[in-house]
Amino acid sequence: MAYTPELDLSTVRILRRIAWAMNVPMTVALPALIAWVAIHLDSHKVCSACRAPLECGECPFKTEDFIPIDPN
């Protein structure tokens, strides 16, 4: 894992309760939540704000009609 953000106490408490509701550990709940949010986000907004256009081939937000701008 390249980057591990620290979660504040309030966020941990929310995640813990969601994990309990899902009957899974927090380490399983968090990626599931991120995947759920990703499905529901506007992929055009995500692509428009992207700072890593060279990674489009591996991006789950990639849309067929989005053409990345060359960062150079």
N, C-alpha and C. Protein backbone atom coordinates (compact mmCIF):
# COMPACT_ATOMS: atom_id res chain seq x y z
N MET A 1 0.85 -1.17 0.00
CA MET A 1 0.00 0.00 0.00
C MET A 1 0.90 1.24 0.00
N ALA A 2 0.64 2.15 -0.91
CA ALA A 2 1.50 3.31 -1.06
C ALA A 2 1.19 4.42 -0.06
N TYR A 3 -0.07 4.55 0.35
CA TYR A 3 -0.45 5.66 1.22
C TYR A 3 -1.52 5.19 2.18
N THR A 4 -1.32 5.43 3.45
CA THR A 4 -2.30 5.06 4.46
C THR A 4 -2.74 6.30 5.22
N PRO A 5 -3.91 6.83 4.87
CA PRO A 5 -4.38 8.02 5.58
C PRO A 5 -4.81 7.69 7.00
N GLU A 6 -4.57 8.61 7.91
CA GLU A 6 -5.04 8.44 9.28
C GLU A 6 -6.48 8.91 9.35
N LEU A 7 -7.29 8.18 10.09
CA LEU A 7 -8.70 8.55 10.26
C LEU A 7 -8.88 9.15 11.64
N ASP A 8 -9.64 10.23 11.71
CA ASP A 8 -9.89 10.82 13.02
C ASP A 8 -10.88 9.94 13.80
N LEU A 9 -11.01 10.19 15.08
CA LEU A 9 -11.82 9.35 15.95
C LEU A 9 -13.27 9.27 15.49
N SER A 10 -13.83 10.38 15.07
CA SER A 10 -15.21 10.40 14.60
C SER A 10 -15.40 9.50 13.39
N THR A 11 -14.47 9.56 12.45
CA THR A 11 -14.54 8.73 11.25
C THR A 11 -14.37 7.26 11.59
N VAL A 12 -13.48 6.95 12.51
CA VAL A 12 -13.27 5.56 12.94
C VAL A 12 -14.55 5.02 13.58
N ARG A 13 -15.19 5.84 14.39
CA ARG A 13 -16.43 5.40 15.03
C ARG A 13 -17.52 5.12 14.00
N ILE A 14 -17.61 5.96 12.99
CA ILE A 14 -18.59 5.74 11.91
C ILE A 14 -18.26 4.45 11.17
N LEU A 15 -17.00 4.29 10.79
CA LEU A 15 -16.58 3.10 10.07
C LEU A 15 -16.83 1.84 10.89
N ARG A 16 -16.54 1.90 12.18
CA ARG A 16 -16.76 0.74 13.04
C ARG A 16 -18.22 0.33 13.05
N ARG A 17 -19.12 1.29 13.15
CA ARG A 17 -20.55 0.97 13.17
C ARG A 17 -21.04 0.42 11.83
N ILE A 18 -20.50 0.97 10.75
CA ILE A 18 -20.85 0.44 9.43
C ILE A 18 -20.35 -1.00 9.31
N ALA A 19 -19.14 -1.24 9.78
CA ALA A 19 -18.57 -2.60 9.73
C ALA A 19 -19.42 -3.56 10.56
N TRP A 20 -19.87 -3.11 11.73
CA TRP A 20 -20.73 -3.97 12.54
C TRP A 20 -22.01 -4.29 11.78
N ALA A 21 -22.59 -3.28 11.14
CA ALA A 21 -23.83 -3.49 10.39
C ALA A 21 -23.62 -4.46 9.22
N MET A 22 -22.43 -4.41 8.62
CA MET A 22 -22.10 -5.30 7.51
C MET A 22 -21.63 -6.68 8.01
N ASN A 23 -21.36 -6.78 9.33
CA ASN A 23 -20.85 -8.00 9.95
C ASN A 23 -19.50 -8.42 9.35
N VAL A 24 -18.65 -7.41 9.14
CA VAL A 24 -17.30 -7.64 8.62
C VAL A 24 -16.33 -6.76 9.40
N PRO A 25 -15.02 -7.07 9.35
CA PRO A 25 -14.04 -6.19 9.99
C PRO A 25 -13.95 -4.84 9.26
N MET A 26 -13.46 -3.85 9.97
CA MET A 26 -13.32 -2.52 9.37
C MET A 26 -12.42 -2.56 8.14
N THR A 27 -11.43 -3.43 8.14
CA THR A 27 -10.52 -3.54 6.99
C THR A 27 -11.22 -4.06 5.74
N VAL A 28 -12.34 -4.72 5.91
CA VAL A 28 -13.15 -5.17 4.77
C VAL A 28 -14.20 -4.11 4.43
N ALA A 29 -14.76 -3.49 5.46
CA ALA A 29 -15.81 -2.49 5.25
C ALA A 29 -15.31 -1.27 4.49
N LEU A 30 -14.12 -0.79 4.81
CA LEU A 30 -13.63 0.43 4.17
C LEU A 30 -13.47 0.28 2.66
N PRO A 31 -12.79 -0.75 2.15
CA PRO A 31 -12.71 -0.90 0.70
C PRO A 31 -14.09 -1.10 0.05
N ALA A 32 -15.00 -1.78 0.76
CA ALA A 32 -16.34 -1.97 0.22
C ALA A 32 -17.07 -0.63 0.11
N LEU A 33 -16.90 0.21 1.11
CA LEU A 33 -17.52 1.55 1.08
C LEU A 33 -16.94 2.39 -0.05
N ILE A 34 -15.64 2.33 -0.23
CA ILE A 34 -14.99 3.10 -1.29
C ILE A 34 -15.48 2.61 -2.65
N ALA A 35 -15.59 1.30 -2.82
CA ALA A 35 -16.08 0.75 -4.09
C ALA A 35 -17.52 1.18 -4.34
N TRP A 36 -18.36 1.18 -3.29
CA TRP A 36 -19.76 1.60 -3.43
C TRP A 36 -19.84 3.07 -3.85
N VAL A 37 -19.07 3.90 -3.19
CA VAL A 37 -19.07 5.33 -3.53
C VAL A 37 -18.59 5.53 -4.97
N ALA A 38 -17.55 4.80 -5.36
CA ALA A 38 -17.02 4.93 -6.72
C ALA A 38 -18.07 4.60 -7.76
N ILE A 39 -18.90 3.61 -7.49
CA ILE A 39 -19.96 3.24 -8.43
C ILE A 39 -20.97 4.37 -8.58
N HIS A 40 -21.20 5.11 -7.51
CA HIS A 40 -22.24 6.13 -7.51
C HIS A 40 -21.76 7.54 -7.86
N LEU A 41 -20.46 7.73 -7.99
CA LEU A 41 -19.93 9.04 -8.36
C LEU A 41 -20.09 9.30 -9.85
N ASP A 42 -20.12 10.56 -10.20
CA ASP A 42 -20.15 10.96 -11.60
C ASP A 42 -18.74 10.80 -12.15
N SER A 43 -18.55 9.81 -13.01
CA SER A 43 -17.20 9.52 -13.51
C SER A 43 -16.64 10.68 -14.34
N HIS A 44 -17.50 11.46 -14.97
CA HIS A 44 -17.01 12.61 -15.73
C HIS A 44 -16.38 13.64 -14.80
N LYS A 45 -16.99 13.85 -13.63
CA LYS A 45 -16.42 14.78 -12.65
C LYS A 45 -15.07 14.28 -12.16
N VAL A 46 -15.00 12.98 -11.90
CA VAL A 46 -13.75 12.40 -11.41
C VAL A 46 -12.66 12.56 -12.47
N CYS A 47 -12.99 12.21 -13.71
CA CYS A 47 -12.00 12.31 -14.79
C CYS A 47 -11.57 13.76 -15.02
N SER A 48 -12.49 14.68 -14.92
CA SER A 48 -12.16 16.09 -15.13
C SER A 48 -11.22 16.62 -14.07
N ALA A 49 -11.30 16.06 -12.87
CA ALA A 49 -10.46 16.52 -11.77
C ALA A 49 -9.18 15.69 -11.62
N CYS A 50 -9.03 14.68 -12.43
CA CYS A 50 -7.91 13.74 -12.29
C CYS A 50 -6.55 14.43 -12.47
N ARG A 51 -5.60 14.02 -11.64
CA ARG A 51 -4.23 14.54 -11.72
C ARG A 51 -3.26 13.46 -12.18
N ALA A 52 -3.79 12.31 -12.61
CA ALA A 52 -2.94 11.21 -13.07
C ALA A 52 -3.48 10.65 -14.39
N PRO A 53 -3.55 11.48 -15.43
CA PRO A 53 -4.14 11.02 -16.68
C PRO A 53 -3.37 9.90 -17.38
N LEU A 54 -2.15 9.68 -17.01
CA LEU A 54 -1.38 8.60 -17.62
C LEU A 54 -1.83 7.23 -17.12
N GLU A 55 -2.64 7.20 -16.07
CA GLU A 55 -3.12 5.94 -15.49
C GLU A 55 -4.53 5.58 -15.94
N CYS A 56 -5.04 6.23 -16.99
CA CYS A 56 -6.42 6.01 -17.43
C CYS A 56 -6.72 4.55 -17.76
N GLY A 57 -5.76 3.85 -18.31
CA GLY A 57 -5.98 2.46 -18.70
C GLY A 57 -6.33 1.56 -17.54
N GLU A 58 -5.93 1.93 -16.34
CA GLU A 58 -6.19 1.12 -15.15
C GLU A 58 -7.25 1.73 -14.24
N CYS A 59 -7.86 2.81 -14.67
CA CYS A 59 -8.78 3.56 -13.82
C CYS A 59 -10.22 3.04 -13.92
N PRO A 60 -10.87 2.79 -12.79
CA PRO A 60 -12.25 2.33 -12.83
C PRO A 60 -13.24 3.43 -13.23
N PHE A 61 -12.79 4.67 -13.24
CA PHE A 61 -13.67 5.78 -13.61
C PHE A 61 -13.59 6.10 -15.10
N LYS A 62 -12.69 5.46 -15.82
CA LYS A 62 -12.47 5.76 -17.23
C LYS A 62 -13.78 5.70 -18.00
N THR A 63 -14.03 6.75 -18.76
CA THR A 63 -15.21 6.77 -19.61
C THR A 63 -14.76 6.73 -21.06
N GLU A 64 -15.60 6.19 -21.89
CA GLU A 64 -15.24 6.03 -23.30
C GLU A 64 -15.02 7.37 -24.01
N ASP A 65 -15.76 8.39 -23.61
CA ASP A 65 -15.66 9.66 -24.33
C ASP A 65 -14.74 10.68 -23.67
N PHE A 66 -14.04 10.28 -22.60
CA PHE A 66 -13.13 11.21 -21.95
C PHE A 66 -11.74 11.09 -22.55
N ILE A 67 -11.20 12.20 -22.98
CA ILE A 67 -9.85 12.22 -23.53
C ILE A 67 -8.98 13.04 -22.58
N PRO A 68 -8.00 12.40 -21.91
CA PRO A 68 -7.18 13.13 -20.94
C PRO A 68 -6.33 14.20 -21.61
N ILE A 69 -6.09 15.25 -20.86
CA ILE A 69 -5.23 16.34 -21.33
C ILE A 69 -3.79 15.98 -20.99
N ASP A 70 -2.90 16.18 -21.93
CA ASP A 70 -1.49 15.90 -21.70
C ASP A 70 -0.98 16.82 -20.60
N PRO A 71 -0.42 16.26 -19.49
CA PRO A 71 0.03 17.07 -18.37
C PRO A 71 1.27 17.92 -18.68
N ASN A 72 1.92 17.68 -19.81
CA ASN A 72 3.15 18.43 -20.13
C ASN A 72 2.88 19.68 -20.89
